[in-house]
Amino acid sequence: MSDDHLRPLRLPPGGQLTRLFLVRHGATAANEMRPYILQGCEMDNPLSATGERQAADLARLLGDFEFGGIYASPMIRAVQTATAVAERRSQAVTTLPELRECSVGRWEGLSWDQIQERDPDNHRRFFANPVTEPHPGGESYGDVLCRVRPALATLFDQHAGQNILVVAHNMVNRVYLAELAGIELKHARRLKQSNACVNLLEIRQGELNLISLNSVLHLSDV
C-alpha cells in the first residue's frame, strides 16, 4: 500500500501550525492479561515481545518523519517505545515526569471484577465521579489532566511550527483527548487507546484540533 498520503506529515509544518503525534506505549505482559488488570504508575513493566514488535512497527511508520523533539513518560514501557523511534535517527528521548501513567493506588494489578468485589464502596464512589474521586491512594482523572495539560502546552510553545512525538499512556491520553473528542472527562475511559496507537493533533493560533484518533493501521498484528 502506498503511503504517499503521509508525505506532507513527514516534514515540519512551519508557520503557525504545530503537530503533536501522541502515542500510547507498546504492550506489556500486564496489558496482555485476561481479564484486564490495572497497570498504573506503580507497576513499571518493560515491553513484552508483542510490545517490542509494536514499537518496531511504530518506528517504521515514523522512520523518516522530522521531529523537533521526542518525549516520553519516564516509565520503562514508554521510554522503550520512544527509543525505538528515536534510535533510527540518533535523536535523544527526553522524559517528562508529568507524562507518567495515572496512579491507581491500591488497585494496581487488580481486575475491575476483583476491585468491585474487594472494595465495593470505593469502586462505587470512583465510578460516580472519577474526575474528582481518586483511585484509592492514587489519582483522579482531574489530577492527571492537571499535570498533563500544562506539560503538553509547554511543548507546543517550545516546538512551534514543528512536529512533536510524545509517548505516554492509556489514561494520560484518554483524559487529554476527551474534550477534543467531544466526551465529558468523566467518560474518558470510553476512548479507545490501543497499545502503540497514534493520535494526531494540530494547533494553529491557539486552536487545538484532533485530526485522528487511535490509529493502528501501522501495526502488523492488527
N, C-alpha and C. Protein backbone atom coordinates (compact mmCIF):
# COMPACT_ATOMS: atom_id res chain seq x y z
N MET A 1 0.85 -1.19 0.00
CA MET A 1 0.00 0.00 0.00
C MET A 1 0.89 1.25 0.00
N SER A 2 0.58 2.19 -0.86
CA SER A 2 1.35 3.41 -0.93
C SER A 2 1.08 4.28 0.29
N ASP A 3 2.13 4.94 0.75
CA ASP A 3 1.94 5.86 1.88
C ASP A 3 2.19 7.29 1.45
N ASP A 4 1.91 7.59 0.18
CA ASP A 4 2.12 8.95 -0.33
C ASP A 4 1.32 9.98 0.46
N HIS A 5 0.17 9.54 1.01
CA HIS A 5 -0.67 10.48 1.75
C HIS A 5 0.01 10.95 3.04
N LEU A 6 1.04 10.24 3.48
CA LEU A 6 1.76 10.63 4.69
C LEU A 6 2.86 11.64 4.42
N ARG A 7 3.21 11.82 3.14
CA ARG A 7 4.35 12.66 2.81
C ARG A 7 4.26 14.07 3.42
N PRO A 8 3.11 14.73 3.36
CA PRO A 8 3.06 16.09 3.94
C PRO A 8 3.28 16.11 5.46
N LEU A 9 3.01 15.00 6.13
CA LEU A 9 3.16 14.96 7.58
C LEU A 9 4.60 14.75 8.01
N ARG A 10 5.44 14.28 7.10
CA ARG A 10 6.81 13.94 7.48
C ARG A 10 7.66 15.17 7.77
N LEU A 11 7.35 16.25 7.12
CA LEU A 11 8.14 17.47 7.26
C LEU A 11 7.52 18.40 8.30
N PRO A 12 8.32 19.23 8.94
CA PRO A 12 7.76 20.21 9.88
C PRO A 12 6.74 21.08 9.17
N PRO A 13 5.59 21.33 9.79
CA PRO A 13 4.55 22.11 9.11
C PRO A 13 4.93 23.56 8.91
N GLY A 14 5.74 24.12 9.83
CA GLY A 14 6.17 25.51 9.69
C GLY A 14 5.04 26.49 9.95
N GLY A 15 5.37 27.74 9.87
CA GLY A 15 4.38 28.79 10.08
C GLY A 15 3.77 28.71 11.46
N GLN A 16 2.46 28.84 11.52
CA GLN A 16 1.75 28.86 12.80
C GLN A 16 1.13 27.51 13.16
N LEU A 17 1.46 26.48 12.38
CA LEU A 17 0.90 25.16 12.62
C LEU A 17 1.93 24.26 13.30
N THR A 18 1.50 23.58 14.35
CA THR A 18 2.34 22.62 15.08
C THR A 18 1.57 21.31 15.19
N ARG A 19 2.27 20.19 15.00
CA ARG A 19 1.62 18.88 15.08
C ARG A 19 2.16 18.09 16.27
N LEU A 20 1.25 17.42 16.96
CA LEU A 20 1.62 16.51 18.04
C LEU A 20 1.19 15.10 17.67
N PHE A 21 2.15 14.20 17.62
CA PHE A 21 1.88 12.78 17.44
C PHE A 21 1.88 12.18 18.85
N LEU A 22 0.70 11.91 19.37
CA LEU A 22 0.55 11.40 20.73
C LEU A 22 0.32 9.89 20.67
N VAL A 23 1.25 9.14 21.25
CA VAL A 23 1.29 7.68 21.10
C VAL A 23 1.09 7.02 22.46
N ARG A 24 0.44 5.88 22.46
CA ARG A 24 0.45 5.03 23.66
C ARG A 24 1.59 4.03 23.50
N HIS A 25 2.24 3.71 24.59
CA HIS A 25 3.35 2.75 24.56
C HIS A 25 2.90 1.38 24.04
N GLY A 26 3.86 0.57 23.62
CA GLY A 26 3.58 -0.80 23.21
C GLY A 26 3.14 -1.66 24.39
N ALA A 27 2.69 -2.86 24.08
CA ALA A 27 2.10 -3.75 25.09
C ALA A 27 3.14 -4.26 26.08
N THR A 28 2.67 -4.48 27.29
CA THR A 28 3.43 -5.17 28.33
C THR A 28 2.70 -6.47 28.68
N ALA A 29 3.34 -7.29 29.48
CA ALA A 29 2.69 -8.53 29.91
C ALA A 29 1.39 -8.24 30.65
N ALA A 30 1.37 -7.17 31.43
CA ALA A 30 0.15 -6.80 32.16
C ALA A 30 -0.97 -6.43 31.20
N ASN A 31 -0.63 -5.73 30.11
CA ASN A 31 -1.65 -5.36 29.12
C ASN A 31 -2.28 -6.58 28.46
N GLU A 32 -1.51 -7.66 28.40
CA GLU A 32 -1.98 -8.85 27.69
C GLU A 32 -2.74 -9.83 28.59
N MET A 33 -2.82 -9.53 29.86
CA MET A 33 -3.54 -10.42 30.78
C MET A 33 -5.04 -10.33 30.56
N ARG A 34 -5.71 -11.45 30.69
CA ARG A 34 -7.16 -11.53 30.62
C ARG A 34 -7.66 -12.33 31.80
N PRO A 35 -8.55 -11.77 32.64
CA PRO A 35 -9.15 -10.45 32.45
C PRO A 35 -8.13 -9.32 32.60
N TYR A 36 -8.50 -8.18 32.04
CA TYR A 36 -7.66 -6.99 32.06
C TYR A 36 -7.38 -6.56 33.50
N ILE A 37 -6.14 -6.20 33.78
CA ILE A 37 -5.79 -5.66 35.10
C ILE A 37 -5.30 -4.23 34.97
N LEU A 38 -5.43 -3.47 36.04
CA LEU A 38 -4.98 -2.09 36.03
C LEU A 38 -3.46 -2.04 36.14
N GLN A 39 -2.87 -1.24 35.28
CA GLN A 39 -1.43 -1.02 35.27
C GLN A 39 -1.19 0.48 35.31
N GLY A 40 -0.98 0.99 36.51
CA GLY A 40 -0.76 2.42 36.65
C GLY A 40 0.72 2.74 36.73
N CYS A 41 1.06 3.80 37.46
CA CYS A 41 2.46 4.19 37.55
C CYS A 41 3.20 3.43 38.63
N GLU A 42 2.49 2.62 39.41
CA GLU A 42 3.15 1.83 40.44
C GLU A 42 3.82 0.59 39.85
N MET A 43 3.38 0.17 38.68
CA MET A 43 3.88 -1.04 38.02
C MET A 43 4.71 -0.61 36.80
N ASP A 44 6.02 -0.68 36.92
CA ASP A 44 6.91 -0.15 35.87
C ASP A 44 7.46 -1.31 35.03
N ASN A 45 6.60 -1.85 34.18
CA ASN A 45 6.95 -3.03 33.39
C ASN A 45 7.61 -2.69 32.06
N PRO A 46 8.50 -3.54 31.57
CA PRO A 46 9.05 -3.38 30.22
C PRO A 46 8.05 -3.88 29.18
N LEU A 47 8.36 -3.63 27.92
CA LEU A 47 7.54 -4.15 26.84
C LEU A 47 7.64 -5.67 26.78
N SER A 48 6.53 -6.30 26.39
CA SER A 48 6.54 -7.73 26.10
C SER A 48 7.08 -7.93 24.68
N ALA A 49 7.18 -9.18 24.26
CA ALA A 49 7.61 -9.45 22.87
C ALA A 49 6.65 -8.80 21.88
N THR A 50 5.37 -8.84 22.19
CA THR A 50 4.38 -8.17 21.33
C THR A 50 4.61 -6.67 21.32
N GLY A 51 4.86 -6.10 22.50
CA GLY A 51 5.11 -4.67 22.59
C GLY A 51 6.35 -4.25 21.82
N GLU A 52 7.38 -5.07 21.83
CA GLU A 52 8.59 -4.76 21.06
C GLU A 52 8.29 -4.76 19.57
N ARG A 53 7.46 -5.70 19.11
CA ARG A 53 7.07 -5.70 17.69
C ARG A 53 6.26 -4.46 17.36
N GLN A 54 5.37 -4.07 18.26
CA GLN A 54 4.57 -2.87 18.02
C GLN A 54 5.45 -1.62 17.97
N ALA A 55 6.44 -1.55 18.84
CA ALA A 55 7.36 -0.41 18.82
C ALA A 55 8.15 -0.37 17.51
N ALA A 56 8.54 -1.56 17.02
CA ALA A 56 9.26 -1.62 15.74
C ALA A 56 8.36 -1.17 14.60
N ASP A 57 7.08 -1.57 14.64
CA ASP A 57 6.13 -1.12 13.62
C ASP A 57 5.97 0.39 13.65
N LEU A 58 5.89 0.94 14.85
CA LEU A 58 5.77 2.39 15.01
C LEU A 58 7.01 3.09 14.45
N ALA A 59 8.18 2.53 14.73
CA ALA A 59 9.43 3.11 14.23
C ALA A 59 9.47 3.10 12.71
N ARG A 60 8.96 2.05 12.09
CA ARG A 60 8.92 2.00 10.62
C ARG A 60 7.97 3.06 10.08
N LEU A 61 6.82 3.22 10.72
CA LEU A 61 5.86 4.24 10.27
C LEU A 61 6.47 5.63 10.32
N LEU A 62 7.17 5.93 11.41
CA LEU A 62 7.67 7.29 11.65
C LEU A 62 9.15 7.45 11.32
N GLY A 63 9.70 6.47 10.63
CA GLY A 63 11.14 6.41 10.39
C GLY A 63 11.73 7.65 9.76
N ASP A 64 11.03 8.26 8.80
CA ASP A 64 11.61 9.43 8.14
C ASP A 64 10.83 10.71 8.44
N PHE A 65 10.06 10.71 9.52
CA PHE A 65 9.40 11.93 9.96
C PHE A 65 10.43 12.81 10.67
N GLU A 66 10.30 14.10 10.51
CA GLU A 66 11.18 15.04 11.21
C GLU A 66 10.48 15.55 12.46
N PHE A 67 11.07 15.27 13.62
CA PHE A 67 10.50 15.70 14.89
C PHE A 67 11.42 16.72 15.55
N GLY A 68 10.83 17.83 15.96
CA GLY A 68 11.60 18.82 16.70
C GLY A 68 11.98 18.32 18.08
N GLY A 69 11.21 17.37 18.61
CA GLY A 69 11.52 16.77 19.89
C GLY A 69 10.79 15.45 20.04
N ILE A 70 11.41 14.51 20.73
CA ILE A 70 10.81 13.22 21.05
C ILE A 70 10.76 13.10 22.57
N TYR A 71 9.56 12.94 23.09
CA TYR A 71 9.35 12.94 24.54
C TYR A 71 8.63 11.67 24.97
N ALA A 72 8.85 11.31 26.23
CA ALA A 72 8.20 10.11 26.77
C ALA A 72 7.99 10.26 28.26
N SER A 73 7.01 9.55 28.76
CA SER A 73 6.90 9.32 30.19
C SER A 73 8.19 8.64 30.65
N PRO A 74 8.60 8.84 31.91
CA PRO A 74 9.82 8.17 32.38
C PRO A 74 9.65 6.69 32.65
N MET A 75 8.46 6.15 32.46
CA MET A 75 8.23 4.74 32.73
C MET A 75 8.84 3.88 31.63
N ILE A 76 9.37 2.71 32.01
CA ILE A 76 10.16 1.88 31.10
C ILE A 76 9.43 1.61 29.79
N ARG A 77 8.16 1.26 29.87
CA ARG A 77 7.41 0.88 28.66
C ARG A 77 7.30 2.03 27.67
N ALA A 78 7.19 3.25 28.18
CA ALA A 78 7.10 4.42 27.30
C ALA A 78 8.46 4.77 26.72
N VAL A 79 9.50 4.72 27.55
CA VAL A 79 10.85 5.04 27.08
C VAL A 79 11.28 4.04 26.00
N GLN A 80 11.00 2.75 26.20
CA GLN A 80 11.37 1.75 25.20
C GLN A 80 10.67 2.02 23.87
N THR A 81 9.40 2.38 23.93
CA THR A 81 8.64 2.66 22.70
C THR A 81 9.20 3.88 21.99
N ALA A 82 9.46 4.95 22.73
CA ALA A 82 10.01 6.17 22.12
C ALA A 82 11.41 5.93 21.58
N THR A 83 12.20 5.13 22.28
CA THR A 83 13.57 4.86 21.85
C THR A 83 13.61 4.11 20.53
N ALA A 84 12.63 3.23 20.30
CA ALA A 84 12.57 2.50 19.04
C ALA A 84 12.47 3.47 17.85
N VAL A 85 11.76 4.58 18.05
CA VAL A 85 11.65 5.60 17.00
C VAL A 85 12.91 6.46 16.97
N ALA A 86 13.37 6.88 18.12
CA ALA A 86 14.48 7.84 18.19
C ALA A 86 15.79 7.27 17.69
N GLU A 87 16.05 5.99 17.96
CA GLU A 87 17.36 5.43 17.61
C GLU A 87 17.55 5.29 16.10
N ARG A 88 16.48 5.34 15.34
CA ARG A 88 16.59 5.28 13.88
C ARG A 88 17.15 6.57 13.31
N ARG A 89 17.17 7.61 14.14
CA ARG A 89 17.66 8.91 13.66
C ARG A 89 18.70 9.49 14.60
N SER A 90 19.19 8.67 15.55
CA SER A 90 20.17 9.12 16.54
C SER A 90 19.69 10.37 17.26
N GLN A 91 18.41 10.37 17.61
CA GLN A 91 17.81 11.50 18.30
C GLN A 91 17.54 11.12 19.75
N ALA A 92 17.70 12.05 20.66
CA ALA A 92 17.52 11.76 22.08
C ALA A 92 16.05 11.73 22.45
N VAL A 93 15.73 10.92 23.46
CA VAL A 93 14.40 10.90 24.07
C VAL A 93 14.47 11.68 25.37
N THR A 94 13.60 12.66 25.51
CA THR A 94 13.51 13.44 26.75
C THR A 94 12.34 12.94 27.57
N THR A 95 12.58 12.59 28.81
CA THR A 95 11.49 12.12 29.66
C THR A 95 10.90 13.27 30.47
N LEU A 96 9.58 13.23 30.62
CA LEU A 96 8.86 14.24 31.39
C LEU A 96 8.04 13.54 32.46
N PRO A 97 8.30 13.80 33.74
CA PRO A 97 7.56 13.11 34.80
C PRO A 97 6.07 13.37 34.76
N GLU A 98 5.66 14.51 34.20
CA GLU A 98 4.23 14.83 34.13
C GLU A 98 3.46 13.85 33.24
N LEU A 99 4.17 13.12 32.38
CA LEU A 99 3.53 12.19 31.44
C LEU A 99 3.38 10.78 32.00
N ARG A 100 3.81 10.55 33.25
CA ARG A 100 3.68 9.20 33.82
C ARG A 100 2.22 8.78 33.86
N GLU A 101 2.01 7.48 33.91
CA GLU A 101 0.64 6.97 33.92
C GLU A 101 -0.07 7.36 35.22
N CYS A 102 -1.38 7.34 35.18
CA CYS A 102 -2.21 7.61 36.34
C CYS A 102 -1.85 6.65 37.49
N SER A 103 -1.76 7.20 38.68
CA SER A 103 -1.58 6.34 39.85
C SER A 103 -2.93 5.74 40.23
N VAL A 104 -3.00 4.41 40.27
CA VAL A 104 -4.24 3.73 40.64
C VAL A 104 -4.17 3.20 42.07
N GLY A 105 -3.14 3.60 42.81
CA GLY A 105 -3.05 3.28 44.21
C GLY A 105 -3.12 1.80 44.52
N ARG A 106 -3.95 1.46 45.47
CA ARG A 106 -4.01 0.06 45.90
C ARG A 106 -4.77 -0.85 44.94
N TRP A 107 -5.30 -0.27 43.87
CA TRP A 107 -5.96 -1.10 42.85
C TRP A 107 -4.98 -1.62 41.80
N GLU A 108 -3.73 -1.24 41.92
CA GLU A 108 -2.72 -1.68 40.96
C GLU A 108 -2.70 -3.21 40.86
N GLY A 109 -2.73 -3.72 39.63
CA GLY A 109 -2.61 -5.15 39.39
C GLY A 109 -3.89 -5.94 39.57
N LEU A 110 -5.01 -5.26 39.86
CA LEU A 110 -6.29 -5.95 40.05
C LEU A 110 -7.18 -5.76 38.83
N SER A 111 -8.06 -6.70 38.60
CA SER A 111 -9.08 -6.54 37.56
C SER A 111 -10.24 -5.75 38.15
N TRP A 112 -11.10 -5.22 37.27
CA TRP A 112 -12.25 -4.46 37.76
C TRP A 112 -13.20 -5.35 38.55
N ASP A 113 -13.35 -6.61 38.18
CA ASP A 113 -14.20 -7.52 38.95
C ASP A 113 -13.64 -7.72 40.35
N GLN A 114 -12.33 -7.87 40.46
CA GLN A 114 -11.71 -8.03 41.77
C GLN A 114 -11.89 -6.77 42.61
N ILE A 115 -11.75 -5.62 41.98
CA ILE A 115 -11.91 -4.35 42.69
C ILE A 115 -13.33 -4.20 43.22
N GLN A 116 -14.30 -4.51 42.36
CA GLN A 116 -15.70 -4.40 42.78
C GLN A 116 -16.02 -5.35 43.93
N GLU A 117 -15.42 -6.52 43.91
CA GLU A 117 -15.66 -7.50 44.96
C GLU A 117 -14.96 -7.12 46.27
N ARG A 118 -13.71 -6.65 46.19
CA ARG A 118 -12.91 -6.39 47.39
C ARG A 118 -13.10 -5.00 47.97
N ASP A 119 -13.47 -4.05 47.13
CA ASP A 119 -13.53 -2.65 47.55
C ASP A 119 -14.77 -1.97 46.97
N PRO A 120 -15.96 -2.52 47.25
CA PRO A 120 -17.18 -2.05 46.57
C PRO A 120 -17.51 -0.59 46.82
N ASP A 121 -17.27 -0.09 48.03
CA ASP A 121 -17.64 1.30 48.32
C ASP A 121 -16.79 2.28 47.52
N ASN A 122 -15.48 2.06 47.51
CA ASN A 122 -14.61 2.94 46.74
C ASN A 122 -14.83 2.77 45.24
N HIS A 123 -15.13 1.55 44.81
CA HIS A 123 -15.44 1.31 43.40
C HIS A 123 -16.65 2.15 42.99
N ARG A 124 -17.68 2.14 43.82
CA ARG A 124 -18.90 2.90 43.52
C ARG A 124 -18.62 4.40 43.51
N ARG A 125 -17.86 4.87 44.51
CA ARG A 125 -17.56 6.31 44.56
C ARG A 125 -16.73 6.75 43.36
N PHE A 126 -15.76 5.95 42.99
CA PHE A 126 -14.90 6.31 41.87
C PHE A 126 -15.71 6.42 40.58
N PHE A 127 -16.54 5.46 40.29
CA PHE A 127 -17.29 5.48 39.04
C PHE A 127 -18.40 6.52 39.04
N ALA A 128 -18.82 6.96 40.23
CA ALA A 128 -19.82 8.02 40.30
C ALA A 128 -19.24 9.34 39.82
N ASN A 129 -17.95 9.59 40.11
CA ASN A 129 -17.32 10.83 39.67
C ASN A 129 -15.80 10.69 39.64
N PRO A 130 -15.25 10.02 38.63
CA PRO A 130 -13.80 9.83 38.56
C PRO A 130 -13.01 11.10 38.31
N VAL A 131 -13.70 12.19 37.97
CA VAL A 131 -12.99 13.45 37.73
C VAL A 131 -12.38 13.98 39.02
N THR A 132 -13.11 13.85 40.13
CA THR A 132 -12.61 14.35 41.41
C THR A 132 -12.35 13.25 42.42
N GLU A 133 -12.94 12.08 42.25
CA GLU A 133 -12.75 10.97 43.18
C GLU A 133 -11.54 10.14 42.73
N PRO A 134 -10.49 10.10 43.53
CA PRO A 134 -9.29 9.38 43.08
C PRO A 134 -9.40 7.88 43.22
N HIS A 135 -8.58 7.15 42.46
CA HIS A 135 -8.35 5.75 42.79
C HIS A 135 -7.82 5.74 44.23
N PRO A 136 -8.26 4.84 45.08
CA PRO A 136 -7.83 4.86 46.48
C PRO A 136 -6.30 4.84 46.62
N GLY A 137 -5.77 5.90 47.22
CA GLY A 137 -4.32 6.02 47.35
C GLY A 137 -3.65 6.51 46.09
N GLY A 138 -4.44 6.91 45.09
CA GLY A 138 -3.88 7.34 43.81
C GLY A 138 -4.48 8.65 43.31
N GLU A 139 -4.70 8.74 42.01
CA GLU A 139 -5.14 9.98 41.38
C GLU A 139 -6.53 9.85 40.77
N SER A 140 -7.17 10.98 40.61
CA SER A 140 -8.41 11.08 39.85
C SER A 140 -8.08 11.46 38.41
N TYR A 141 -9.09 11.42 37.53
CA TYR A 141 -8.90 11.88 36.16
C TYR A 141 -8.47 13.35 36.15
N GLY A 142 -9.10 14.15 37.02
CA GLY A 142 -8.77 15.56 37.08
C GLY A 142 -7.33 15.80 37.50
N ASP A 143 -6.84 14.98 38.44
CA ASP A 143 -5.45 15.10 38.86
C ASP A 143 -4.51 14.88 37.69
N VAL A 144 -4.79 13.86 36.90
CA VAL A 144 -3.93 13.54 35.76
C VAL A 144 -3.96 14.67 34.73
N LEU A 145 -5.15 15.16 34.43
CA LEU A 145 -5.27 16.23 33.44
C LEU A 145 -4.53 17.49 33.89
N CYS A 146 -4.57 17.78 35.18
CA CYS A 146 -3.93 18.99 35.71
C CYS A 146 -2.41 18.97 35.55
N ARG A 147 -1.81 17.79 35.48
CA ARG A 147 -0.35 17.76 35.27
C ARG A 147 0.01 17.56 33.80
N VAL A 148 -0.86 16.90 33.03
CA VAL A 148 -0.55 16.60 31.63
C VAL A 148 -0.78 17.80 30.73
N ARG A 149 -1.90 18.48 30.91
CA ARG A 149 -2.26 19.58 30.00
C ARG A 149 -1.20 20.68 29.95
N PRO A 150 -0.72 21.20 31.09
CA PRO A 150 0.32 22.26 31.00
C PRO A 150 1.64 21.75 30.44
N ALA A 151 1.96 20.48 30.70
CA ALA A 151 3.21 19.94 30.15
C ALA A 151 3.18 19.92 28.63
N LEU A 152 2.04 19.51 28.06
CA LEU A 152 1.93 19.47 26.61
C LEU A 152 1.81 20.88 26.03
N ALA A 153 1.17 21.78 26.76
CA ALA A 153 1.10 23.17 26.30
C ALA A 153 2.50 23.77 26.19
N THR A 154 3.36 23.44 27.13
CA THR A 154 4.75 23.91 27.08
C THR A 154 5.47 23.38 25.85
N LEU A 155 5.22 22.10 25.52
CA LEU A 155 5.85 21.52 24.33
C LEU A 155 5.37 22.23 23.06
N PHE A 156 4.09 22.56 22.99
CA PHE A 156 3.59 23.30 21.84
C PHE A 156 4.30 24.64 21.70
N ASP A 157 4.53 25.30 22.81
CA ASP A 157 5.22 26.60 22.77
C ASP A 157 6.68 26.43 22.36
N GLN A 158 7.33 25.40 22.88
CA GLN A 158 8.76 25.19 22.61
C GLN A 158 9.01 24.74 21.18
N HIS A 159 8.04 24.09 20.57
CA HIS A 159 8.24 23.49 19.24
C HIS A 159 7.27 24.05 18.21
N ALA A 160 6.98 25.33 18.31
CA ALA A 160 6.07 25.96 17.35
C ALA A 160 6.57 25.74 15.92
N GLY A 161 5.66 25.33 15.04
CA GLY A 161 6.00 25.10 13.64
C GLY A 161 6.67 23.77 13.37
N GLN A 162 6.72 22.88 14.38
CA GLN A 162 7.41 21.60 14.23
C GLN A 162 6.46 20.42 14.48
N ASN A 163 6.96 19.24 14.16
CA ASN A 163 6.32 18.00 14.60
C ASN A 163 6.89 17.61 15.96
N ILE A 164 6.04 17.10 16.84
CA ILE A 164 6.46 16.63 18.16
C ILE A 164 5.95 15.20 18.34
N LEU A 165 6.78 14.34 18.88
CA LEU A 165 6.36 12.98 19.22
C LEU A 165 6.35 12.84 20.74
N VAL A 166 5.22 12.38 21.28
CA VAL A 166 5.09 12.12 22.72
C VAL A 166 4.56 10.71 22.91
N VAL A 167 5.28 9.91 23.70
CA VAL A 167 4.83 8.56 24.03
C VAL A 167 4.39 8.55 25.49
N ALA A 168 3.11 8.28 25.69
CA ALA A 168 2.56 8.31 27.04
C ALA A 168 1.75 7.04 27.30
N HIS A 169 0.61 7.18 27.95
CA HIS A 169 -0.10 6.02 28.49
C HIS A 169 -1.60 6.08 28.22
N ASN A 170 -2.25 5.00 28.54
CA ASN A 170 -3.68 4.83 28.29
C ASN A 170 -4.51 5.96 28.90
N MET A 171 -4.44 6.12 30.23
CA MET A 171 -5.27 7.13 30.88
C MET A 171 -4.75 8.54 30.63
N VAL A 172 -3.47 8.72 30.52
CA VAL A 172 -2.92 10.04 30.19
C VAL A 172 -3.51 10.52 28.87
N ASN A 173 -3.46 9.66 27.87
CA ASN A 173 -4.00 10.03 26.56
C ASN A 173 -5.51 10.26 26.62
N ARG A 174 -6.20 9.37 27.31
CA ARG A 174 -7.66 9.47 27.36
C ARG A 174 -8.13 10.78 27.97
N VAL A 175 -7.56 11.16 29.11
CA VAL A 175 -8.05 12.39 29.76
C VAL A 175 -7.68 13.61 28.94
N TYR A 176 -6.53 13.57 28.25
CA TYR A 176 -6.13 14.72 27.44
C TYR A 176 -7.00 14.83 26.18
N LEU A 177 -7.36 13.70 25.61
CA LEU A 177 -8.10 13.70 24.35
C LEU A 177 -9.60 13.83 24.52
N ALA A 178 -10.11 13.60 25.71
CA ALA A 178 -11.56 13.53 25.91
C ALA A 178 -12.28 14.77 25.41
N GLU A 179 -11.85 15.94 25.86
CA GLU A 179 -12.53 17.17 25.45
C GLU A 179 -12.46 17.36 23.94
N LEU A 180 -11.32 17.07 23.35
CA LEU A 180 -11.16 17.24 21.90
C LEU A 180 -12.04 16.28 21.13
N ALA A 181 -12.33 15.11 21.74
CA ALA A 181 -13.19 14.12 21.09
C ALA A 181 -14.67 14.34 21.40
N GLY A 182 -14.98 15.40 22.16
CA GLY A 182 -16.37 15.71 22.48
C GLY A 182 -16.95 14.82 23.56
N ILE A 183 -16.09 14.33 24.47
CA ILE A 183 -16.52 13.44 25.54
C ILE A 183 -16.26 14.10 26.88
N GLU A 184 -17.25 14.03 27.78
CA GLU A 184 -17.04 14.56 29.13
C GLU A 184 -15.90 13.81 29.79
N LEU A 185 -15.13 14.52 30.60
CA LEU A 185 -13.97 13.92 31.23
C LEU A 185 -14.33 12.69 32.05
N LYS A 186 -15.50 12.68 32.68
CA LYS A 186 -15.89 11.52 33.50
C LYS A 186 -16.08 10.26 32.67
N HIS A 187 -16.23 10.44 31.35
CA HIS A 187 -16.40 9.29 30.45
C HIS A 187 -15.14 9.02 29.63
N ALA A 188 -14.00 9.55 30.06
CA ALA A 188 -12.77 9.43 29.28
C ALA A 188 -12.41 7.97 29.01
N ARG A 189 -12.73 7.06 29.92
CA ARG A 189 -12.35 5.67 29.71
C ARG A 189 -13.05 5.03 28.53
N ARG A 190 -14.07 5.69 27.97
CA ARG A 190 -14.73 5.17 26.78
C ARG A 190 -13.85 5.30 25.52
N LEU A 191 -12.87 6.18 25.58
CA LEU A 191 -11.98 6.38 24.44
C LEU A 191 -11.05 5.17 24.31
N LYS A 192 -10.96 4.64 23.13
CA LYS A 192 -10.06 3.52 22.87
C LYS A 192 -8.65 4.04 22.63
N GLN A 193 -7.69 3.46 23.33
CA GLN A 193 -6.28 3.76 23.12
C GLN A 193 -5.52 2.43 23.10
N SER A 194 -5.37 1.88 21.91
CA SER A 194 -4.68 0.61 21.75
C SER A 194 -3.19 0.79 21.97
N ASN A 195 -2.53 -0.27 22.36
CA ASN A 195 -1.07 -0.20 22.51
C ASN A 195 -0.41 0.19 21.20
N ALA A 196 0.49 1.17 21.27
CA ALA A 196 1.25 1.69 20.13
C ALA A 196 0.39 2.41 19.11
N CYS A 197 -0.80 2.85 19.52
CA CYS A 197 -1.64 3.66 18.62
C CYS A 197 -1.05 5.05 18.46
N VAL A 198 -1.48 5.74 17.40
CA VAL A 198 -1.05 7.12 17.14
C VAL A 198 -2.28 8.01 17.07
N ASN A 199 -2.24 9.11 17.83
CA ASN A 199 -3.25 10.16 17.74
C ASN A 199 -2.55 11.40 17.17
N LEU A 200 -3.17 12.05 16.21
CA LEU A 200 -2.58 13.25 15.61
C LEU A 200 -3.40 14.47 16.00
N LEU A 201 -2.70 15.46 16.56
CA LEU A 201 -3.32 16.72 16.93
C LEU A 201 -2.58 17.86 16.26
N GLU A 202 -3.31 18.92 15.95
CA GLU A 202 -2.71 20.11 15.36
C GLU A 202 -3.18 21.34 16.12
N ILE A 203 -2.25 22.27 16.29
CA ILE A 203 -2.60 23.54 16.93
C ILE A 203 -2.16 24.68 16.03
N ARG A 204 -3.08 25.63 15.81
CA ARG A 204 -2.80 26.81 14.98
C ARG A 204 -3.46 28.01 15.66
N GLN A 205 -2.67 29.04 15.93
CA GLN A 205 -3.17 30.25 16.57
C GLN A 205 -3.94 29.92 17.85
N GLY A 206 -3.42 29.00 18.62
CA GLY A 206 -4.03 28.66 19.90
C GLY A 206 -5.20 27.71 19.83
N GLU A 207 -5.63 27.34 18.62
CA GLU A 207 -6.77 26.43 18.48
C GLU A 207 -6.27 25.00 18.27
N LEU A 208 -6.60 24.12 19.18
CA LEU A 208 -6.14 22.74 19.16
C LEU A 208 -7.23 21.84 18.60
N ASN A 209 -6.86 21.03 17.62
CA ASN A 209 -7.82 20.13 16.97
C ASN A 209 -7.30 18.70 16.93
N LEU A 210 -8.21 17.75 17.11
CA LEU A 210 -7.90 16.34 16.99
C LEU A 210 -8.12 15.93 15.54
N ILE A 211 -7.06 15.45 14.89
CA ILE A 211 -7.13 15.09 13.48
C ILE A 211 -7.42 13.60 13.30
N SER A 212 -6.77 12.76 14.09
CA SER A 212 -7.03 11.32 14.03
C SER A 212 -6.88 10.73 15.42
N LEU A 213 -7.65 9.67 15.66
CA LEU A 213 -7.71 9.07 16.99
C LEU A 213 -7.44 7.57 16.89
N ASN A 214 -6.52 7.08 17.74
CA ASN A 214 -6.29 5.65 17.89
C ASN A 214 -5.97 4.94 16.56
N SER A 215 -5.11 5.53 15.77
CA SER A 215 -4.71 4.90 14.50
C SER A 215 -3.78 3.72 14.78
N VAL A 216 -4.15 2.55 14.21
CA VAL A 216 -3.35 1.33 14.43
C VAL A 216 -3.04 0.62 13.13
N LEU A 217 -3.25 1.27 12.00
CA LEU A 217 -3.06 0.62 10.71
C LEU A 217 -1.60 0.26 10.44
N HIS A 218 -0.69 0.84 11.18
CA HIS A 218 0.73 0.54 11.02
C HIS A 218 1.16 -0.74 11.74
N LEU A 219 0.29 -1.30 12.57
CA LEU A 219 0.66 -2.45 13.40
C LEU A 219 0.47 -3.76 12.62
N SER A 220 1.48 -4.59 12.63
CA SER A 220 1.44 -5.84 11.86
C SER A 220 0.55 -6.89 12.47
N ASP A 221 0.20 -6.74 13.77
CA ASP A 221 -0.61 -7.77 14.42
C ASP A 221 -2.07 -7.36 14.58
N VAL A 222 -2.48 -6.28 13.89
CA VAL A 222 -3.89 -5.84 13.96
C VAL A 222 -4.75 -6.78 13.14
